[in-house]
Amino acid sequence: GGDGQELFHSIRRKDGTWSCPGGCNKIHPTITLFFDTEKLHSVAILSVPLDPFNKYFNSRVKDGSAVCKTPFYYELDGFVRSNLNKLKEQKLFGNHLVKVAMGALRESDLAQSAALEMEHHKQCHAKRSFDRLEEVLQICLLHRLGEDLDVLSIHCMQKTSRVFRRVATPIAEQRMRECQFVVTPLVDGYFLSGYSVFRRHQGATNTVVEREQGRMVEYAVSPSFLFHQDTETPGRFTARKNEKHLEDDRENDEKNLAQFSWACEELSFANLEREWGDIGVHEYVGQKVRVHWRRGEVDIPDQDCSTSTADMPVVDIRLNGAPQFSTSLFSLNLELQRMDATQVDEVTVCFEGQARIPEMWTSFEFLVACYSRNLENVLAARNEEILKTRPLLRHEQEFLKEVREIAAVATLYS
């Protein structure tokens, strides 16, 4: 931003010369970048033609990216931003010797943006014809168009025009029919840093540790359930027979589908507060349900390193006795069959319960929001790389803004 001087730190004297930021107060030789608004290229002015300066610019002249007018004056191909970063990356002299003239970066960015916007406009409108557009789209649909589009692209098609919407809506409906959610109950959670001692009745061959309220909590991981969209009711998802995860080997009848339980004893000092002061606090956290969206390959953003599998966590739901968890785009119904906390003796409390998840409700817009949440990080990283060589174009800025707005409704609830 500004004139770019923040990229290379130094101290400017009252007479306009630059001195070393290290405190030596010496006036160092400098390279100052200007921008020629008529020829649309950068200009480098050397205060002194030092050998390291000459070696760098001679290499630029040799590769054809610079023209030497005098030993003090070089014309450089490209805009100021890209040349500034090239000078930053070279190893012949320090970055603090490179300056940008006042206003040069701003003039260069404006000219570069205008040129890129014009080129983008030409590409978008070159040879564009809307004759028989819907017929062309239908032909594309027959040749894997639906399989090759991610949910955000389908969403954008729906917003583009009525013609695109008529083609995109059946694709969105098919994506919902193919959609799967993996629901994993995390039960008998307790703080690891507490004073209590715990014993899970069912054992815990698989556990997970997570940070909550600034403390580490360990949960037992119950068998997961696979939910599909109901064939008769769009947006309604239920667990189906013979399609649960393999580790769930319970009787596969209707009443046991998506059913889970918990049982845990806490040996607590809650009733010994007079002897133990303030440590008499129950450390048992309870249960929650985690919902993952099982994405197809097309719905995993490129360069997304945030997850190593297709299962993306989208919702965390704490079991607090309420029969339903609901947001604007997602809801889950919970059948709480039993939930008890029994005082066994002076120091022991037994927590037991059983619940079932009969159904979930969601929409295509929820998938778009979840996809956008992942894509937001990918775009932010890509834009950082782009800014090293040029300013962001208007459509790139607007796309990132729209993705962020869509992603905002897919906050990971807990």
Foldseek 3Di string as FASTA:
>chain_A
DFQPQVVADFDADPVGFTAHPVPPRDGDWAWEWAADLVVLWIKIFTPDLDPLNCVVVVVCVVVPQWDDPDSGIITGGAADLQVLLVVCPDDSDHNNRYYYPGCRNVSNQVVVQVVVVVVVVCVVPPPDDCVCVLVVLVVVVVVCPLVQAALLRLVVLCVPDPSSVVSSVVSLQVVQQVWKKKKKKWWFKFFPPAPKDKDWPVDAPDWDWDADPNTIIITRIDFIFMWGADPVDRQKIFGDFPPGDPVPPPDRDLVCHQKDKTKMKIQFCLLVCVPVPPRRDGGTDGMKMWMWIQDDPSLADPPQPVDDHSTHTQEIGGPDPDQKDDDPFKIWGKAWPDWDWADPDSGMIMTITMIGTGIMGGGSLLSLLSSLLSVLVVLVVVQVVVSSRHHDHPVSVVVSVVSVVSNVRRPHYD
